[in-house]
């Protein structure tokens, strides 16, 4: 399925050395993440950036709360493999210093800088450098915190009448207020974010914003929690928006190793056919009472091994029984489905092996490696079914069925018109 992307004004981040990423327009949806260490630790920061890039991050953001962080940016910009965004809050000079250091984009919240001249100085610097600015109206930063009376009024409006309607209104009003500042400076290379910890509010906010502005959108669920809970919240919101053509760049946020953010963001885009997959696509059974091999250990070992070895997007199915196995394996390039301590292995629908459980992993891995080699040599094509899978005889083909029936361990069953 091809999703009809909402058309937005494109902006570009990057340079000749690291390459250029287009956000919006016809540019593919990109994946972002943020380093978790101190930016002034140049070696540590670069190590994190490289790790995130290797996992599939297109853009990486770094925090620059202090002057020593923007000073470190000069060295980081010389070696980073991907475009870098400087995260600026409160201190406008950090933004100016980041621009001078050659950063590729600024993340700015005008509401955190009271002096309009200071905001204008940042806008003018970015305009002169030709770099975009992301403007955030995230839930945690738009409600007034310095004026307690005003904050109480806004919070009261939020909880009155509608679950999130008033907060959504505040988000849009604040966004309009911020964008007026940029319009006055004739600056239009803007990316918008409107994050919340509430997945439903995120969907509503970006849907409404997409109707009102043509700036590219940076999607995310903020403060999503651990990977276990945050993945559900993030995918619920971001998957819904992307499937409706809304969103130009994404960041999944976890209170965990940011590499997981990238891996899950990439998988989300691949699942929606918004990104070309690199490496295997693994299909595997859920738990059920029909499984007769140690399926979950097998799945883990297959994924762990092939993730580092296979570069082509080979679809691999690891199924625990013959009920759903043939159907799931039908569309896989390499597949195994198991019976009673055995596994039958197929390559593009053609049966190539019937092995005992302790040989399944080695044979499956070997077939995956051999298949990738054939594709690279032009002898096979990804996703091409050679023959139709014929479901195996659950008595004879899986090895132990006949002997079990003769021993009275299972009842007689009928297979393909014959009773045993």
Protein backbone atom coordinates (compact mmCIF):
# COMPACT_ATOMS: atom_id res chain seq x y z
CA UNK A 1 0.00 0.00 0.00
CA UNK A 2 1.24 3.48 -0.86
CA UNK A 3 0.28 6.17 1.64
CA UNK A 4 -0.72 9.57 0.28
CA UNK A 5 1.71 11.87 2.04
CA UNK A 6 0.53 15.30 3.07
CA UNK A 7 2.45 17.84 1.01
CA UNK A 8 4.65 20.12 3.09
CA UNK A 9 7.25 22.81 2.54
CA UNK A 10 10.59 20.95 2.37
CA UNK A 11 13.60 21.89 4.47
CA UNK A 12 17.11 20.46 4.23
CA UNK A 13 19.56 19.45 6.95
CA UNK A 14 23.15 18.39 6.38
CA UNK A 15 26.05 19.39 4.16
CA UNK A 16 28.29 18.05 1.43
CA UNK A 17 30.32 15.90 3.83
CA UNK A 18 27.54 14.06 5.71
CA UNK A 19 24.95 14.31 2.95
CA UNK A 20 21.65 16.16 2.95
CA UNK A 21 18.35 14.96 4.37
CA UNK A 22 15.13 16.52 3.09
CA UNK A 23 12.37 16.85 5.69
CA UNK A 24 8.99 17.32 4.05
CA UNK A 25 8.22 17.68 0.38
CA UNK A 26 9.10 14.49 -1.47
CA UNK A 27 11.73 13.49 1.07
CA UNK A 28 11.25 10.09 2.75
CA UNK A 29 10.22 10.03 6.40
CA UNK A 30 13.43 10.20 8.41
CA UNK A 31 14.31 8.75 11.82
CA UNK A 32 15.84 10.86 14.56
CA UNK A 33 17.17 10.25 18.04
CA UNK A 34 19.13 12.13 20.68
CA UNK A 35 22.35 11.43 22.52
CA UNK A 36 22.06 10.77 26.24
CA UNK A 37 25.57 11.76 27.32
CA UNK A 38 27.25 15.14 27.71
CA UNK A 39 27.98 16.91 24.45
CA UNK A 40 31.18 18.42 25.86
CA UNK A 41 32.55 14.87 26.07
CA UNK A 42 33.53 14.90 22.41
CA UNK A 43 34.71 11.30 22.13
CA UNK A 44 31.73 9.94 24.07
CA UNK A 45 29.28 12.05 22.10
CA UNK A 46 30.72 10.99 18.76
CA UNK A 47 30.65 7.34 19.84
CA UNK A 48 26.94 7.70 20.61
CA UNK A 49 26.25 9.45 17.32
CA UNK A 50 28.04 6.72 15.38
CA UNK A 51 26.14 4.03 17.25
CA UNK A 52 22.80 5.69 16.48
CA UNK A 53 23.75 6.18 12.84
CA UNK A 54 24.73 2.51 12.54
CA UNK A 55 21.30 1.55 13.92
CA UNK A 56 19.62 3.59 11.18
CA UNK A 57 19.28 7.15 12.51
CA UNK A 58 19.22 9.75 9.75
CA UNK A 59 19.57 12.75 12.07
CA UNK A 60 20.88 13.04 15.65
CA UNK A 61 20.13 15.78 18.20
CA UNK A 62 22.52 16.84 20.94
CA UNK A 63 21.92 19.00 24.01
CA UNK A 64 23.89 22.24 24.37
CA UNK A 65 22.95 23.71 27.76
CA UNK A 66 26.41 25.18 28.41
CA UNK A 67 29.10 27.04 26.52
CA UNK A 68 31.45 24.07 26.78
CA UNK A 69 28.88 22.02 24.84
CA UNK A 70 28.76 24.44 21.90
CA UNK A 71 32.55 24.65 21.94
CA UNK A 72 32.66 20.86 21.63
CA UNK A 73 30.32 21.05 18.65
CA UNK A 74 33.14 22.38 16.49
CA UNK A 75 35.00 19.09 16.86
CA UNK A 76 31.87 16.97 16.66
CA UNK A 77 30.81 18.57 13.39
CA UNK A 78 34.12 17.56 11.80
CA UNK A 79 33.53 13.85 12.43
CA UNK A 80 29.79 13.21 12.69
CA UNK A 81 28.47 10.72 10.09
CA UNK A 82 24.96 12.25 10.07
CA UNK A 83 23.38 15.73 10.30
CA UNK A 84 23.31 17.23 13.80
CA UNK A 85 20.58 19.24 15.52
CA UNK A 86 21.43 21.47 18.50
CA UNK A 87 18.83 21.39 21.27
CA UNK A 88 18.55 24.91 22.72
CA UNK A 89 16.49 26.06 25.68
CA UNK A 90 16.58 29.33 27.65
CA UNK A 91 20.00 30.60 26.51
CA UNK A 92 19.82 32.15 23.04
CA UNK A 93 23.60 32.49 22.90
CA UNK A 94 23.89 28.70 22.85
CA UNK A 95 21.93 28.77 19.58
CA UNK A 96 24.17 31.45 18.09
CA UNK A 97 27.27 29.51 19.14
CA UNK A 98 25.85 26.29 17.68
CA UNK A 99 25.20 28.02 14.36
CA UNK A 100 28.77 29.34 14.36
CA UNK A 101 30.01 25.80 15.03
CA UNK A 102 28.32 24.62 11.84
CA UNK A 103 25.35 22.72 13.27
CA UNK A 104 22.78 21.64 10.68
CA UNK A 105 19.57 22.58 12.49
CA UNK A 106 18.38 24.29 15.68
CA UNK A 107 15.65 23.05 18.01
CA UNK A 108 14.17 26.17 19.61
CA UNK A 109 11.24 26.92 21.89
CA UNK A 110 10.59 30.68 21.61
CA UNK A 111 8.46 30.52 24.75
CA UNK A 112 11.57 29.71 26.80
CA UNK A 113 13.29 32.95 25.71
CA UNK A 114 11.50 36.06 26.94
CA UNK A 115 13.40 38.69 24.97
CA UNK A 116 12.03 38.99 21.42
CA UNK A 117 15.26 40.54 20.18
CA UNK A 118 17.14 37.45 21.32
CA UNK A 119 14.74 35.16 19.45
CA UNK A 120 15.11 37.36 16.38
CA UNK A 121 18.89 37.12 16.63
CA UNK A 122 18.67 33.32 16.50
CA UNK A 123 16.27 33.40 13.56
CA UNK A 124 18.51 35.80 11.63
CA UNK A 125 21.60 33.69 12.32
CA UNK A 126 19.87 30.53 11.04
CA UNK A 127 18.58 32.39 8.00
CA UNK A 128 22.06 33.60 7.14
CA UNK A 129 23.51 30.11 7.65
CA UNK A 130 20.70 28.51 5.62
CA UNK A 131 19.67 26.05 8.33
CA UNK A 132 16.15 25.22 9.54
CA UNK A 133 14.64 25.58 13.00
CA UNK A 134 12.31 23.13 14.75
CA UNK A 135 9.64 24.87 16.77
CA UNK A 136 8.13 22.82 19.57
CA UNK A 137 4.80 23.28 21.29
CA UNK A 138 5.13 20.21 23.44
CA UNK A 139 2.67 19.68 26.27
CA UNK A 140 5.34 20.06 28.92
CA UNK A 141 6.55 23.44 27.69
CA UNK A 142 3.47 25.40 26.61
CA UNK A 143 1.57 25.73 29.88
CA UNK A 144 2.66 28.87 31.72
CA UNK A 145 4.89 28.10 34.68
CA UNK A 146 6.19 31.49 35.79
CA UNK A 147 2.80 33.12 36.29
CA UNK A 148 1.10 30.73 38.73
CA UNK A 149 -2.32 32.32 38.37
CA UNK A 150 -2.22 32.03 34.60
CA UNK A 151 -1.00 28.44 34.85
CA UNK A 152 -3.93 27.58 37.12
CA UNK A 153 -6.34 29.12 34.62
CA UNK A 154 -4.83 27.18 31.74
CA UNK A 155 -4.80 23.93 33.67
CA UNK A 156 -8.39 24.52 34.72
CA UNK A 157 -9.37 25.06 31.09
CA UNK A 158 -7.57 21.85 30.16
CA UNK A 159 -9.60 19.71 32.54
CA UNK A 160 -12.92 21.43 31.88
CA UNK A 161 -15.43 19.80 29.60
CA UNK A 162 -13.22 17.77 27.22
CA UNK A 163 -10.48 15.26 27.79
CA UNK A 164 -7.89 17.19 25.79
CA UNK A 165 -9.74 19.88 23.86
CA UNK A 166 -8.53 22.91 25.76
CA UNK A 167 -4.92 21.75 25.82
CA UNK A 168 -5.13 21.20 22.09
CA UNK A 169 -6.44 24.75 21.70
CA UNK A 170 -3.51 26.06 23.77
CA UNK A 171 -1.05 24.13 21.58
CA UNK A 172 -2.42 25.63 18.38
CA UNK A 173 -2.67 29.14 19.85
CA UNK A 174 0.93 28.98 21.07
CA UNK A 175 2.08 27.65 17.72
CA UNK A 176 0.38 30.50 15.88
CA UNK A 177 2.00 32.94 18.30
CA UNK A 178 5.44 31.45 17.67
CA UNK A 179 5.06 31.29 13.89
CA UNK A 180 4.13 34.97 13.78
CA UNK A 181 7.62 35.70 15.10
CA UNK A 182 9.22 33.78 12.23
CA UNK A 183 6.92 35.27 9.62
CA UNK A 184 7.87 38.75 10.77
CA UNK A 185 11.53 37.86 10.06
CA UNK A 186 10.64 36.30 6.68
CA UNK A 187 11.92 32.93 7.89
CA UNK A 188 10.07 29.88 6.60
CA UNK A 189 12.41 26.87 6.97
CA UNK A 190 10.54 25.58 10.00
CA UNK A 191 9.72 22.10 11.30
CA UNK A 192 6.87 21.80 13.82
CA UNK A 193 6.49 19.41 16.74
CA UNK A 194 3.52 19.11 19.10
CA UNK A 195 4.35 16.25 21.44
CA UNK A 196 2.52 14.92 24.47
CA UNK A 197 2.70 11.85 26.68
CA UNK A 198 -0.91 11.15 25.67
CA UNK A 199 -1.04 9.17 22.42
CA UNK A 200 -4.59 10.29 21.64
CA UNK A 201 -3.69 13.94 22.12
CA UNK A 202 -0.67 13.49 19.84
CA UNK A 203 -2.93 12.13 17.10
CA UNK A 204 -5.43 14.97 17.54
CA UNK A 205 -2.76 17.69 17.74
CA UNK A 206 -0.85 16.71 14.63
CA UNK A 207 -4.07 16.06 12.70
CA UNK A 208 -5.35 19.56 13.47
CA UNK A 209 -1.97 21.20 12.87
CA UNK A 210 -1.62 19.46 9.52
CA UNK A 211 -4.87 21.13 8.42
CA UNK A 212 -3.62 24.61 9.30
CA UNK A 213 0.06 24.77 8.34
CA UNK A 214 2.21 23.46 5.52
CA UNK A 215 5.41 23.15 7.55
CA UNK A 216 6.89 19.64 7.84
CA UNK A 217 5.99 17.80 11.04
CA UNK A 218 8.33 16.12 13.53
CA UNK A 219 6.29 13.34 15.17
CA UNK A 220 6.81 11.99 18.65
CA UNK A 221 5.26 10.96 21.95
CA UNK A 222 7.21 12.67 24.70
CA UNK A 223 7.91 11.14 28.12
CA UNK A 224 6.66 7.85 26.72
CA UNK A 225 8.34 5.81 29.44
CA UNK A 226 10.30 2.59 29.17
CA UNK A 227 10.63 0.69 25.94
CA UNK A 228 7.94 -1.76 27.09
CA UNK A 229 5.28 0.92 27.52
CA UNK A 230 6.74 3.65 25.36
CA UNK A 231 6.78 1.49 22.26
CA UNK A 232 3.03 0.92 22.52
CA UNK A 233 2.23 4.59 23.10
CA UNK A 234 4.57 5.72 20.35
CA UNK A 235 3.50 3.22 17.71
CA UNK A 236 -0.19 3.81 18.48
CA UNK A 237 0.20 7.53 17.78
CA UNK A 238 2.90 7.62 15.13
CA UNK A 239 1.61 4.61 13.22
CA UNK A 240 -1.87 6.15 13.04
CA UNK A 241 -0.55 9.49 11.81
CA UNK A 242 1.87 8.04 9.28
CA UNK A 243 -0.80 5.70 7.91
CA UNK A 244 -2.88 8.81 7.29
CA UNK A 245 -0.07 10.57 5.46
CA UNK A 246 0.88 12.88 8.33
CA UNK A 247 4.50 13.21 9.43
CA UNK A 248 7.85 13.91 7.82
CA UNK A 249 10.38 12.89 10.48
CA UNK A 250 9.96 10.88 13.67
CA UNK A 251 11.56 10.29 17.01
CA UNK A 252 10.45 7.50 19.29
CA UNK A 253 11.42 8.40 22.88
CA UNK A 254 12.33 5.91 25.60
CA UNK A 255 13.77 6.13 29.08
CA UNK A 256 16.37 3.67 27.84
CA UNK A 257 19.23 3.26 25.41
CA UNK A 258 18.40 5.56 22.45
CA UNK A 259 19.55 2.86 20.03
CA UNK A 260 16.22 1.15 20.77
CA UNK A 261 14.45 4.34 19.69
CA UNK A 262 16.15 4.14 16.33
CA UNK A 263 15.62 0.41 15.85
CA UNK A 264 11.91 0.70 16.60
CA UNK A 265 11.52 3.82 14.50
CA UNK A 266 13.13 2.11 11.53
CA UNK A 267 10.94 -0.96 12.01
CA UNK A 268 7.82 1.21 12.13
CA UNK A 269 8.69 2.86 8.82
CA UNK A 270 9.59 -0.48 7.21
CA UNK A 271 6.32 -1.99 8.41
CA UNK A 272 4.40 0.83 6.74
CA UNK A 273 6.50 0.51 3.57
CA UNK A 274 7.86 4.01 4.17
CA UNK A 275 11.47 2.86 4.28
CA UNK A 276 13.42 0.19 2.43
CA UNK A 277 14.36 -2.57 4.82
CA UNK A 278 17.99 -3.52 5.33
CA UNK A 279 18.62 -7.00 6.67
CA UNK A 280 16.16 -9.76 7.44
CA UNK A 281 12.45 -9.39 8.08
CA UNK A 282 11.65 -12.04 10.67
CA UNK A 283 8.22 -13.66 10.96
CA UNK A 284 7.61 -15.87 13.98
CA UNK A 285 4.81 -17.64 15.84
CA UNK A 286 3.26 -16.36 19.04
CA UNK A 287 3.01 -18.82 21.89
CA UNK A 288 0.42 -21.60 21.71
CA UNK A 289 -0.07 -25.16 22.87
CA UNK A 290 0.81 -26.68 19.49
CA UNK A 291 4.50 -25.78 19.58
CA UNK A 292 6.71 -28.86 19.82
CA UNK A 293 10.16 -27.32 19.67
CA UNK A 294 11.97 -24.66 21.69
CA UNK A 295 10.72 -22.03 19.27
CA UNK A 296 11.55 -18.88 21.20
CA UNK A 297 15.20 -19.79 21.69
CA UNK A 298 15.35 -20.63 17.99
CA UNK A 299 13.83 -17.27 17.02
CA UNK A 300 16.24 -15.37 19.25
CA UNK A 301 19.25 -17.19 17.83
CA UNK A 302 18.11 -16.68 14.24
CA UNK A 303 17.57 -12.97 14.76
CA UNK A 304 20.79 -12.43 16.71
CA UNK A 305 22.90 -14.22 14.11
CA UNK A 306 21.32 -12.99 10.90
CA UNK A 307 21.02 -9.38 12.05
CA UNK A 308 24.79 -9.06 11.81
CA UNK A 309 25.32 -11.29 8.78
CA UNK A 310 22.54 -10.64 6.27
CA UNK A 311 22.34 -7.27 4.51
CA UNK A 312 19.56 -7.94 2.01
CA UNK A 313 15.89 -7.71 3.14
CA UNK A 314 15.30 -11.47 3.14
CA UNK A 315 11.98 -12.51 4.65
CA UNK A 316 12.54 -15.38 7.10
CA UNK A 317 9.67 -17.29 8.74
CA UNK A 318 10.20 -19.38 11.88
CA UNK A 319 6.97 -21.23 12.68
CA UNK A 320 6.30 -23.68 15.48
CA UNK A 321 3.74 -26.05 13.92
CA UNK A 322 2.14 -27.10 10.65
CA UNK A 323 -1.21 -25.39 11.25
CA UNK A 324 -0.18 -21.85 10.30
CA UNK A 325 3.33 -22.71 9.19
CA UNK A 326 2.64 -23.41 5.50
CA UNK A 327 0.58 -20.26 5.03
CA UNK A 328 3.08 -17.99 6.76
CA UNK A 329 6.02 -19.62 5.02
CA UNK A 330 4.35 -19.24 1.63
CA UNK A 331 5.42 -15.61 1.37
CA UNK A 332 8.84 -16.03 2.96
CA UNK A 333 12.12 -16.41 1.14
CA UNK A 334 13.42 -18.89 3.71
CA UNK A 335 11.15 -20.66 6.19
CA UNK A 336 11.02 -23.40 8.76
CA UNK A 337 8.06 -24.91 10.49
CA UNK A 338 8.27 -27.55 13.10
CA UNK A 339 6.63 -30.77 14.12
CA UNK A 340 7.52 -33.16 16.89
CA UNK A 341 11.15 -32.17 17.54
CA UNK A 342 11.80 -31.72 13.83
CA UNK A 343 11.79 -28.89 11.35
CA UNK A 344 11.01 -28.72 7.64
CA UNK A 345 12.90 -25.98 5.82
CA UNK A 346 11.75 -24.27 2.62
CA UNK A 347 13.39 -21.82 0.26
CA UNK A 348 10.85 -19.80 -1.71
CA UNK A 349 8.26 -22.55 -1.37
CA UNK A 350 10.55 -25.48 -2.21
CA UNK A 351 11.30 -28.00 0.54
CA UNK A 352 15.05 -28.36 0.97
CA UNK A 353 15.44 -30.19 4.28
CA UNK A 354 13.73 -32.16 7.06
CA UNK A 355 16.01 -32.10 10.09
CA UNK A 356 15.86 -32.94 13.80
CA UNK A 357 15.43 -30.07 16.25
CA UNK A 358 19.09 -29.80 17.17
CA UNK A 359 19.98 -29.22 13.51
CA UNK A 360 17.28 -26.66 12.66
CA UNK A 361 19.26 -23.54 13.55
CA UNK A 362 22.42 -24.47 11.66
CA UNK A 363 20.55 -25.55 8.54
CA UNK A 364 18.23 -22.54 8.54
CA UNK A 365 21.17 -20.15 8.87
CA UNK A 366 23.02 -21.95 6.11
CA UNK A 367 20.03 -21.69 3.78
CA UNK A 368 19.69 -17.96 4.52
CA UNK A 369 23.34 -17.34 3.74
CA UNK A 370 23.15 -19.42 0.57
CA UNK A 371 19.98 -17.66 -0.57
CA UNK A 372 21.53 -14.20 -0.08
CA UNK A 373 24.51 -15.33 -2.15
CA UNK A 374 22.17 -16.47 -4.93
CA UNK A 375 20.34 -13.13 -4.92
CA UNK A 376 23.62 -11.24 -5.14
CA UNK A 377 24.70 -13.49 -8.02
CA UNK A 378 21.43 -12.87 -9.86
CA UNK A 379 20.33 -16.48 -9.47
CA UNK A 380 17.32 -15.68 -7.26
CA UNK A 381 14.95 -12.77 -6.66
CA UNK A 382 13.69 -11.57 -3.30
CA UNK A 383 10.03 -12.28 -2.67
CA UNK A 384 9.62 -14.61 -5.63
CA UNK A 385 7.79 -17.85 -4.89
CA UNK A 386 9.28 -20.72 -6.89
CA UNK A 387 6.68 -23.37 -6.08
CA UNK A 388 3.57 -23.65 -3.94
CA UNK A 389 4.18 -25.11 -0.53
CA UNK A 390 2.55 -28.49 -0.06
CA UNK A 391 1.68 -28.87 3.63
CA UNK A 392 3.59 -31.79 5.11
CA UNK A 393 1.96 -35.01 6.18
CA UNK A 394 1.64 -34.49 9.97
CA UNK A 395 2.12 -38.24 10.51
CA UNK A 396 4.92 -39.30 8.23
CA UNK A 397 6.71 -36.19 7.01
CA UNK A 398 7.48 -34.91 10.48
CA UNK A 399 9.01 -38.17 11.53
CA UNK A 400 7.44 -39.61 14.64
CA UNK A 401 3.70 -39.62 14.00
CA UNK A 402 3.30 -43.24 12.85
CA UNK A 403 5.29 -44.71 15.72
CA UNK A 404 3.37 -42.63 18.26
CA UNK A 405 0.04 -43.89 16.92
CA UNK A 406 1.23 -47.51 16.92
CA UNK A 407 2.31 -47.10 20.52
CA UNK A 408 -1.13 -45.81 21.44
CA UNK A 409 0.26 -42.41 22.49
CA UNK A 410 -2.08 -40.49 20.17
CA UNK A 411 -5.42 -41.26 18.56
CA UNK A 412 -5.73 -42.36 14.97
CA UNK A 413 -6.18 -39.42 12.61
CA UNK A 414 -7.07 -39.03 8.94
CA UNK A 415 -4.68 -37.30 6.58
CA UNK A 416 -5.45 -36.72 2.89
CA UNK A 417 -8.23 -39.28 2.87
CA UNK A 418 -6.36 -42.10 4.61
CA UNK A 419 -6.86 -43.22 8.18
CA UNK A 420 -3.92 -44.16 10.39
